[in-house]
N, C-alpha and C. Protein backbone atom coordinates (compact mmCIF):
# COMPACT_ATOMS: atom_id res chain seq x y z
N MET A 1 22.42 15.65 48.25
CA MET A 1 22.79 15.45 46.86
C MET A 1 23.73 16.57 46.44
N ASP A 2 24.84 16.23 45.80
CA ASP A 2 25.77 17.27 45.41
C ASP A 2 25.32 17.94 44.10
N VAL A 3 25.99 19.01 43.72
CA VAL A 3 25.61 19.82 42.57
C VAL A 3 25.65 19.02 41.27
N GLN A 4 26.68 18.21 41.10
CA GLN A 4 26.80 17.42 39.86
C GLN A 4 25.66 16.42 39.73
N LYS A 5 25.30 15.75 40.81
CA LYS A 5 24.19 14.79 40.76
C LYS A 5 22.87 15.49 40.47
N THR A 6 22.71 16.69 41.00
CA THR A 6 21.51 17.47 40.73
C THR A 6 21.43 17.83 39.26
N ARG A 7 22.55 18.25 38.68
CA ARG A 7 22.59 18.57 37.24
C ARG A 7 22.25 17.35 36.40
N GLU A 8 22.81 16.21 36.75
CA GLU A 8 22.56 14.98 36.00
C GLU A 8 21.10 14.55 36.12
N ALA A 9 20.50 14.75 37.28
CA ALA A 9 19.12 14.32 37.51
C ALA A 9 18.14 15.04 36.61
N ARG A 10 18.41 16.29 36.25
CA ARG A 10 17.45 17.02 35.41
C ARG A 10 17.42 16.50 33.98
N ASN A 11 18.38 15.64 33.60
CA ASN A 11 18.40 15.05 32.27
C ASN A 11 17.86 13.62 32.26
N LYS A 12 17.32 13.15 33.35
CA LYS A 12 16.74 11.81 33.42
C LYS A 12 15.45 11.80 32.61
N SER A 13 15.16 10.68 31.99
CA SER A 13 14.00 10.59 31.10
C SER A 13 12.69 10.94 31.80
N VAL A 14 12.49 10.50 33.03
CA VAL A 14 11.24 10.79 33.75
C VAL A 14 11.12 12.29 34.03
N VAL A 15 12.22 12.94 34.37
CA VAL A 15 12.21 14.38 34.62
C VAL A 15 11.89 15.13 33.33
N VAL A 16 12.52 14.71 32.22
CA VAL A 16 12.27 15.34 30.92
C VAL A 16 10.81 15.14 30.53
N PHE A 17 10.29 13.94 30.71
CA PHE A 17 8.90 13.67 30.40
C PHE A 17 7.97 14.56 31.24
N THR A 18 8.27 14.73 32.50
CA THR A 18 7.47 15.58 33.37
C THR A 18 7.49 17.03 32.88
N LYS A 19 8.66 17.52 32.49
CA LYS A 19 8.75 18.89 31.96
C LYS A 19 7.92 19.02 30.69
N PHE A 20 7.99 18.01 29.82
CA PHE A 20 7.19 18.00 28.60
C PHE A 20 5.70 18.08 28.95
N CYS A 21 5.24 17.27 29.88
CA CYS A 21 3.83 17.25 30.29
C CYS A 21 3.39 18.59 30.85
N GLN A 22 4.28 19.27 31.55
CA GLN A 22 3.96 20.55 32.17
C GLN A 22 3.91 21.71 31.16
N SER A 23 4.32 21.46 29.94
CA SER A 23 4.36 22.49 28.89
C SER A 23 3.09 22.48 28.05
N LYS A 24 1.95 22.21 28.66
CA LYS A 24 0.67 22.05 27.95
C LYS A 24 0.35 23.22 27.03
N GLU A 25 0.65 24.44 27.47
CA GLU A 25 0.31 25.61 26.66
C GLU A 25 1.05 25.63 25.32
N LEU A 26 2.14 24.89 25.23
CA LEU A 26 2.90 24.85 23.98
C LEU A 26 2.57 23.63 23.11
N HIS A 27 1.82 22.70 23.63
CA HIS A 27 1.57 21.44 22.92
C HIS A 27 0.90 21.62 21.57
N THR A 28 0.14 22.67 21.37
CA THR A 28 -0.55 22.85 20.10
C THR A 28 0.27 23.59 19.05
N ARG A 29 1.32 24.29 19.47
CA ARG A 29 2.05 25.08 18.48
C ARG A 29 3.55 24.78 18.36
N ALA A 30 4.14 24.22 19.38
CA ALA A 30 5.60 24.04 19.38
C ALA A 30 6.02 22.67 18.86
N LEU A 31 7.27 22.60 18.43
CA LEU A 31 7.92 21.34 18.11
C LEU A 31 8.81 21.00 19.30
N PHE A 32 8.64 19.81 19.84
CA PHE A 32 9.44 19.36 20.98
C PHE A 32 10.55 18.45 20.48
N CYS A 33 11.80 18.83 20.75
CA CYS A 33 12.96 18.08 20.29
C CYS A 33 13.68 17.48 21.49
N PHE A 34 14.02 16.21 21.36
CA PHE A 34 14.67 15.47 22.44
C PHE A 34 16.03 14.98 21.96
N TYR A 35 17.08 15.32 22.70
CA TYR A 35 18.45 15.03 22.31
C TYR A 35 19.15 14.16 23.34
N GLU A 36 20.20 13.47 22.91
CA GLU A 36 21.00 12.63 23.81
C GLU A 36 21.73 13.47 24.85
N GLY A 37 22.17 14.60 24.45
CA GLY A 37 22.97 15.46 25.33
C GLY A 37 22.77 16.90 24.92
N GLU A 38 23.86 17.60 24.73
CA GLU A 38 23.80 19.01 24.36
C GLU A 38 23.79 19.18 22.84
N ASP A 39 23.18 18.24 22.14
CA ASP A 39 23.19 18.23 20.68
C ASP A 39 22.32 19.31 20.05
N ALA A 40 21.49 19.98 20.84
CA ALA A 40 20.70 21.10 20.31
C ALA A 40 21.62 22.18 19.74
N LYS A 41 22.83 22.25 20.27
CA LYS A 41 23.80 23.23 19.77
C LYS A 41 24.12 22.97 18.30
N TYR A 42 24.11 21.72 17.90
CA TYR A 42 24.36 21.36 16.51
C TYR A 42 23.06 21.40 15.69
N TYR A 43 22.03 20.76 16.20
CA TYR A 43 20.80 20.57 15.43
C TYR A 43 19.87 21.78 15.43
N GLY A 44 19.92 22.61 16.46
CA GLY A 44 18.94 23.68 16.62
C GLY A 44 18.72 24.52 15.38
N ASN A 45 19.78 25.07 14.84
CA ASN A 45 19.67 25.91 13.65
C ASN A 45 19.13 25.12 12.46
N ARG A 46 19.55 23.87 12.33
CA ARG A 46 19.07 23.03 11.23
C ARG A 46 17.58 22.73 11.36
N VAL A 47 17.14 22.48 12.60
CA VAL A 47 15.72 22.24 12.83
C VAL A 47 14.91 23.48 12.44
N GLU A 48 15.41 24.66 12.81
CA GLU A 48 14.73 25.90 12.43
C GLU A 48 14.62 26.03 10.92
N GLN A 49 15.73 25.76 10.22
CA GLN A 49 15.73 25.90 8.76
C GLN A 49 14.79 24.89 8.09
N ILE A 50 14.85 23.65 8.51
CA ILE A 50 14.06 22.60 7.88
C ILE A 50 12.56 22.76 8.17
N THR A 51 12.23 23.09 9.42
CA THR A 51 10.83 23.18 9.81
C THR A 51 10.24 24.57 9.58
N ARG A 52 11.11 25.54 9.32
CA ARG A 52 10.70 26.94 9.15
C ARG A 52 10.00 27.46 10.41
N ARG A 53 10.47 26.99 11.55
CA ARG A 53 9.95 27.45 12.84
C ARG A 53 11.00 28.36 13.48
N SER A 54 10.51 29.36 14.20
CA SER A 54 11.44 30.19 14.95
C SER A 54 11.81 29.46 16.24
N CYS A 55 12.92 29.86 16.82
CA CYS A 55 13.41 29.16 18.02
C CYS A 55 12.43 29.25 19.18
N ASP A 56 11.55 30.26 19.21
CA ASP A 56 10.58 30.34 20.29
C ASP A 56 9.40 29.39 20.10
N ASN A 57 9.40 28.64 18.99
CA ASN A 57 8.40 27.59 18.75
C ASN A 57 9.04 26.21 18.71
N ILE A 58 10.24 26.13 19.27
CA ILE A 58 10.95 24.86 19.39
C ILE A 58 11.39 24.70 20.85
N VAL A 59 11.02 23.59 21.45
CA VAL A 59 11.38 23.31 22.84
C VAL A 59 12.36 22.14 22.82
N SER A 60 13.54 22.34 23.37
CA SER A 60 14.59 21.32 23.34
C SER A 60 14.86 20.76 24.72
N TYR A 61 15.08 19.45 24.76
CA TYR A 61 15.38 18.77 26.02
C TYR A 61 16.61 17.88 25.87
N ASN A 62 17.47 17.91 26.86
CA ASN A 62 18.61 17.02 26.98
C ASN A 62 18.13 15.81 27.78
N CYS A 63 18.16 14.63 27.16
CA CYS A 63 17.65 13.41 27.81
C CYS A 63 18.75 12.56 28.44
N GLY A 64 19.99 13.03 28.39
CA GLY A 64 21.07 12.34 29.08
C GLY A 64 21.55 11.06 28.43
N GLY A 65 21.32 10.89 27.15
CA GLY A 65 21.80 9.70 26.44
C GLY A 65 20.74 9.10 25.53
N LYS A 66 21.18 8.18 24.69
CA LYS A 66 20.27 7.54 23.74
C LYS A 66 19.12 6.82 24.45
N ALA A 67 19.44 6.08 25.49
CA ALA A 67 18.39 5.36 26.23
C ALA A 67 17.35 6.34 26.78
N GLY A 68 17.80 7.50 27.23
CA GLY A 68 16.88 8.51 27.74
C GLY A 68 15.95 9.05 26.66
N VAL A 69 16.51 9.30 25.48
CA VAL A 69 15.69 9.78 24.36
C VAL A 69 14.63 8.75 24.01
N LEU A 70 15.05 7.50 23.87
CA LEU A 70 14.12 6.44 23.49
C LEU A 70 13.08 6.18 24.57
N LYS A 71 13.46 6.34 25.83
CA LYS A 71 12.52 6.16 26.95
C LYS A 71 11.46 7.27 26.92
N VAL A 72 11.88 8.52 26.74
CA VAL A 72 10.94 9.63 26.66
C VAL A 72 9.99 9.42 25.49
N LYS A 73 10.52 8.96 24.37
CA LYS A 73 9.68 8.70 23.19
C LYS A 73 8.58 7.70 23.53
N GLU A 74 8.94 6.64 24.23
CA GLU A 74 7.95 5.62 24.61
C GLU A 74 6.94 6.15 25.62
N LEU A 75 7.40 6.96 26.57
CA LEU A 75 6.49 7.54 27.57
C LEU A 75 5.45 8.44 26.90
N ILE A 76 5.90 9.24 25.94
CA ILE A 76 4.99 10.13 25.22
C ILE A 76 4.03 9.32 24.35
N LYS A 77 4.57 8.33 23.68
CA LYS A 77 3.77 7.50 22.77
C LYS A 77 2.65 6.75 23.50
N LYS A 78 2.89 6.37 24.75
CA LYS A 78 1.89 5.64 25.54
C LYS A 78 0.66 6.48 25.87
N LYS A 79 0.81 7.78 25.88
CA LYS A 79 -0.27 8.68 26.29
C LYS A 79 -0.97 9.24 25.05
N LYS A 80 -2.20 8.82 24.82
CA LYS A 80 -2.98 9.24 23.64
C LYS A 80 -3.17 10.75 23.57
N GLN A 81 -3.20 11.42 24.73
CA GLN A 81 -3.42 12.87 24.71
C GLN A 81 -2.28 13.64 24.05
N TYR A 82 -1.15 12.95 23.79
CA TYR A 82 -0.01 13.62 23.15
C TYR A 82 0.13 13.25 21.67
N ASP A 83 -0.83 12.52 21.12
CA ASP A 83 -0.76 12.12 19.71
C ASP A 83 -0.66 13.31 18.76
N HIS A 84 -1.27 14.43 19.12
CA HIS A 84 -1.28 15.62 18.26
C HIS A 84 -0.01 16.48 18.41
N VAL A 85 0.78 16.22 19.41
CA VAL A 85 1.96 17.04 19.69
C VAL A 85 3.08 16.67 18.72
N LYS A 86 3.70 17.70 18.16
CA LYS A 86 4.80 17.48 17.22
C LYS A 86 6.09 17.25 17.99
N THR A 87 6.71 16.10 17.73
CA THR A 87 7.94 15.73 18.43
C THR A 87 9.00 15.29 17.44
N ALA A 88 10.26 15.45 17.83
CA ALA A 88 11.39 14.97 17.05
C ALA A 88 12.44 14.45 18.03
N TYR A 89 13.04 13.33 17.69
CA TYR A 89 14.01 12.67 18.57
C TYR A 89 15.30 12.51 17.80
N PHE A 90 16.42 12.81 18.46
CA PHE A 90 17.73 12.79 17.81
C PHE A 90 18.66 11.86 18.58
N ILE A 91 19.16 10.84 17.88
CA ILE A 91 20.05 9.87 18.52
C ILE A 91 21.26 9.61 17.63
N ASP A 92 22.35 9.18 18.27
CA ASP A 92 23.55 8.78 17.55
C ASP A 92 23.45 7.32 17.14
N SER A 93 24.13 6.98 16.06
CA SER A 93 24.17 5.58 15.62
C SER A 93 24.99 4.73 16.58
N ASP A 94 26.07 5.32 17.11
CA ASP A 94 27.00 4.57 17.94
C ASP A 94 27.48 3.34 17.16
N PHE A 95 27.82 2.28 17.85
CA PHE A 95 28.28 1.08 17.17
C PHE A 95 27.13 0.21 16.70
N PHE A 96 25.95 0.43 17.29
CA PHE A 96 24.80 -0.41 16.98
C PHE A 96 23.60 0.46 16.61
N PRO A 97 23.49 0.84 15.34
CA PRO A 97 22.36 1.68 14.93
C PRO A 97 21.01 1.00 15.19
N GLN A 98 20.03 1.81 15.53
CA GLN A 98 18.67 1.32 15.74
C GLN A 98 18.05 1.00 14.38
N LYS A 99 17.24 -0.02 14.33
CA LYS A 99 16.55 -0.42 13.10
C LYS A 99 15.09 0.00 13.18
N ASN A 100 14.47 0.16 12.01
CA ASN A 100 13.04 0.44 11.89
C ASN A 100 12.58 1.61 12.75
N LEU A 101 13.23 2.73 12.60
CA LEU A 101 12.88 3.91 13.38
C LEU A 101 11.66 4.62 12.79
N GLU A 102 10.88 5.24 13.66
CA GLU A 102 9.75 6.03 13.21
C GLU A 102 10.26 7.28 12.51
N LYS A 103 9.39 7.91 11.71
CA LYS A 103 9.84 9.03 10.90
C LYS A 103 10.24 10.27 11.70
N ASN A 104 9.81 10.37 12.95
CA ASN A 104 10.19 11.53 13.76
C ASN A 104 11.46 11.28 14.59
N VAL A 105 12.17 10.19 14.27
CA VAL A 105 13.44 9.89 14.94
C VAL A 105 14.56 10.04 13.92
N TYR A 106 15.51 10.94 14.23
CA TYR A 106 16.67 11.12 13.37
C TYR A 106 17.86 10.43 14.02
N GLN A 107 18.53 9.61 13.23
CA GLN A 107 19.73 8.91 13.71
C GLN A 107 20.91 9.34 12.84
N THR A 108 22.02 9.67 13.47
CA THR A 108 23.19 10.11 12.71
C THR A 108 23.63 9.02 11.73
N THR A 109 24.20 9.46 10.62
CA THR A 109 24.72 8.50 9.65
C THR A 109 26.06 7.93 10.11
N GLY A 110 26.80 8.72 10.88
CA GLY A 110 28.06 8.25 11.44
C GLY A 110 27.89 7.85 12.89
N TYR A 111 28.98 7.63 13.56
CA TYR A 111 28.96 7.18 14.95
C TYR A 111 28.18 8.14 15.85
N SER A 112 28.48 9.43 15.75
CA SER A 112 27.81 10.41 16.62
C SER A 112 27.74 11.76 15.93
N VAL A 113 27.00 12.68 16.53
CA VAL A 113 26.86 14.03 15.98
C VAL A 113 28.22 14.72 15.91
N GLU A 114 29.13 14.37 16.81
CA GLU A 114 30.46 14.98 16.79
C GLU A 114 31.22 14.68 15.51
N ASN A 115 30.88 13.57 14.84
CA ASN A 115 31.52 13.26 13.56
C ASN A 115 31.26 14.37 12.53
N TYR A 116 30.11 15.01 12.62
CA TYR A 116 29.79 16.09 11.68
C TYR A 116 30.71 17.28 11.86
N TYR A 117 31.19 17.48 13.09
CA TYR A 117 32.11 18.58 13.36
C TYR A 117 33.51 18.32 12.81
N THR A 118 33.85 17.06 12.64
CA THR A 118 35.22 16.72 12.24
C THR A 118 35.33 16.27 10.79
N SER A 119 34.29 16.43 10.00
CA SER A 119 34.37 16.05 8.59
C SER A 119 35.25 17.05 7.84
N SER A 120 35.75 16.63 6.70
CA SER A 120 36.58 17.54 5.90
C SER A 120 35.74 18.73 5.42
N THR A 121 34.46 18.52 5.18
CA THR A 121 33.59 19.62 4.77
C THR A 121 33.48 20.65 5.90
N ALA A 122 33.30 20.18 7.13
CA ALA A 122 33.21 21.10 8.26
C ALA A 122 34.53 21.86 8.43
N PHE A 123 35.66 21.14 8.27
CA PHE A 123 36.96 21.78 8.40
C PHE A 123 37.15 22.84 7.31
N THR A 124 36.71 22.53 6.10
CA THR A 124 36.80 23.49 5.00
C THR A 124 35.98 24.74 5.32
N ARG A 125 34.78 24.55 5.87
CA ARG A 125 33.93 25.69 6.23
C ARG A 125 34.60 26.55 7.31
N ILE A 126 35.21 25.91 8.29
CA ILE A 126 35.90 26.66 9.34
C ILE A 126 37.04 27.48 8.74
N LEU A 127 37.83 26.84 7.89
CA LEU A 127 38.93 27.57 7.24
C LEU A 127 38.39 28.78 6.47
N ASN A 128 37.35 28.54 5.71
CA ASN A 128 36.82 29.59 4.84
C ASN A 128 36.10 30.67 5.64
N TYR A 129 35.11 30.30 6.43
CA TYR A 129 34.27 31.30 7.09
C TYR A 129 34.88 31.91 8.34
N ALA A 130 35.59 31.13 9.12
CA ALA A 130 36.16 31.65 10.36
C ALA A 130 37.51 32.32 10.16
N PHE A 131 38.31 31.75 9.22
CA PHE A 131 39.67 32.27 9.05
C PHE A 131 39.93 32.93 7.71
N GLY A 132 38.93 32.92 6.82
CA GLY A 132 39.08 33.58 5.53
C GLY A 132 40.09 32.90 4.61
N VAL A 133 40.34 31.61 4.82
CA VAL A 133 41.27 30.86 3.97
C VAL A 133 40.46 30.18 2.88
N ASN A 134 40.56 30.68 1.66
CA ASN A 134 39.79 30.15 0.54
C ASN A 134 40.49 28.96 -0.11
N CYS A 135 39.72 28.18 -0.83
CA CYS A 135 40.26 26.94 -1.41
C CYS A 135 41.33 27.18 -2.48
N ASN A 136 41.47 28.40 -2.97
CA ASN A 136 42.50 28.67 -3.97
C ASN A 136 43.80 29.19 -3.36
N CYS A 137 43.90 29.18 -2.04
CA CYS A 137 45.12 29.63 -1.35
C CYS A 137 46.06 28.46 -1.11
N SER A 138 47.36 28.75 -1.11
CA SER A 138 48.32 27.70 -0.78
C SER A 138 48.17 27.28 0.69
N ASP A 139 47.79 28.22 1.55
CA ASP A 139 47.55 27.89 2.96
C ASP A 139 46.42 26.87 3.09
N TYR A 140 45.41 26.99 2.25
CA TYR A 140 44.29 26.05 2.29
C TYR A 140 44.79 24.63 1.99
N GLN A 141 45.59 24.50 0.95
CA GLN A 141 46.11 23.17 0.57
C GLN A 141 46.96 22.59 1.70
N ARG A 142 47.79 23.41 2.30
CA ARG A 142 48.64 22.96 3.41
C ARG A 142 47.78 22.54 4.62
N CYS A 143 46.78 23.33 4.93
CA CYS A 143 45.89 23.01 6.06
C CYS A 143 45.15 21.71 5.80
N MET A 144 44.67 21.51 4.58
CA MET A 144 43.92 20.29 4.27
C MET A 144 44.83 19.06 4.33
N GLU A 145 46.06 19.20 3.86
CA GLU A 145 47.02 18.08 3.95
C GLU A 145 47.28 17.73 5.42
N ASP A 146 47.50 18.75 6.24
CA ASP A 146 47.73 18.51 7.68
C ASP A 146 46.50 17.89 8.33
N TYR A 147 45.32 18.37 7.95
CA TYR A 147 44.07 17.83 8.49
C TYR A 147 43.97 16.34 8.13
N LYS A 148 44.19 16.01 6.88
CA LYS A 148 44.07 14.61 6.44
C LYS A 148 45.10 13.71 7.14
N LYS A 149 46.31 14.19 7.31
CA LYS A 149 47.33 13.42 8.03
C LYS A 149 46.90 13.20 9.48
N SER A 150 46.42 14.25 10.12
CA SER A 150 45.99 14.15 11.52
C SER A 150 44.81 13.19 11.67
N MET A 151 43.87 13.24 10.75
CA MET A 151 42.72 12.34 10.79
C MET A 151 43.15 10.89 10.58
N ASP A 152 44.11 10.68 9.68
CA ASP A 152 44.62 9.32 9.47
C ASP A 152 45.24 8.76 10.75
N VAL A 153 46.06 9.57 11.41
CA VAL A 153 46.67 9.15 12.68
C VAL A 153 45.59 8.86 13.70
N PHE A 154 44.62 9.76 13.81
CA PHE A 154 43.53 9.57 14.77
C PHE A 154 42.78 8.27 14.50
N HIS A 155 42.43 8.02 13.24
CA HIS A 155 41.66 6.81 12.91
C HIS A 155 42.47 5.54 13.17
N ARG A 156 43.77 5.58 12.92
CA ARG A 156 44.60 4.40 13.24
C ARG A 156 44.61 4.14 14.74
N GLN A 157 44.72 5.21 15.55
CA GLN A 157 44.72 5.06 17.00
C GLN A 157 43.38 4.55 17.51
N VAL A 158 42.29 5.09 17.00
CA VAL A 158 40.96 4.65 17.41
C VAL A 158 40.75 3.19 17.03
N LEU A 159 41.21 2.81 15.86
CA LEU A 159 41.09 1.42 15.42
C LEU A 159 41.82 0.50 16.40
N PHE A 160 42.98 0.92 16.87
CA PHE A 160 43.75 0.16 17.85
C PHE A 160 42.92 -0.04 19.12
N PHE A 161 42.29 1.06 19.61
CA PHE A 161 41.47 0.96 20.82
C PHE A 161 40.26 0.07 20.62
N LYS A 162 39.66 0.12 19.45
CA LYS A 162 38.52 -0.75 19.17
C LYS A 162 38.95 -2.21 19.22
N CYS A 163 40.12 -2.50 18.65
CA CYS A 163 40.62 -3.89 18.65
C CYS A 163 40.93 -4.35 20.06
N VAL A 164 41.55 -3.49 20.86
CA VAL A 164 41.87 -3.83 22.24
C VAL A 164 40.58 -4.07 23.02
N ASP A 165 39.58 -3.20 22.84
CA ASP A 165 38.31 -3.32 23.54
C ASP A 165 37.61 -4.63 23.17
N LYS A 166 37.59 -4.99 21.92
CA LYS A 166 36.95 -6.23 21.50
C LYS A 166 37.69 -7.45 22.04
N SER A 167 39.01 -7.38 22.08
CA SER A 167 39.76 -8.54 22.57
C SER A 167 39.59 -8.74 24.07
N THR A 168 39.41 -7.66 24.83
CA THR A 168 39.22 -7.81 26.27
C THR A 168 37.81 -8.30 26.59
N LYS A 169 36.84 -8.01 25.74
CA LYS A 169 35.46 -8.46 25.98
C LYS A 169 35.30 -9.95 25.70
N SER A 170 36.15 -10.49 24.83
CA SER A 170 36.01 -11.90 24.49
C SER A 170 36.65 -12.82 25.53
N LYS A 171 37.36 -12.25 26.50
CA LYS A 171 38.03 -13.07 27.53
C LYS A 171 37.11 -13.42 28.65
């Protein structure tokens, strides 16, 4: 097995479930978070703030995709001995949002977690906090205009690809 396949294997739902089961000493105190990919980088700090838990009381797992997260959720749910364990699952809406989700499942409001990085609010925060460009600067107005133009171009191009993808599937 090559290195890449080995890396991918550790994110398989059964492997993640096994790691969860082996963490018995943490089952009574930790919050176990399951992500589609490397989304802990986005959610981690927010989970700490919302739950008021320190990072050493949060255990995060990369499940290798939405199907992996949902599979791990079902594996845990089947075992009564894990009913007391605090879990949270994070999935993207993608094109087909899941319906009737349990309260410990968070689904993005947009297509994916990456949408949160590209919102105008996120861009404003980057300008302000990372570059010191405040909203009352002429540079800020210019940057926001360029951002909006670039996003418009991007959305038109993505719309084109969506149309092409749908037309090829109907053939």
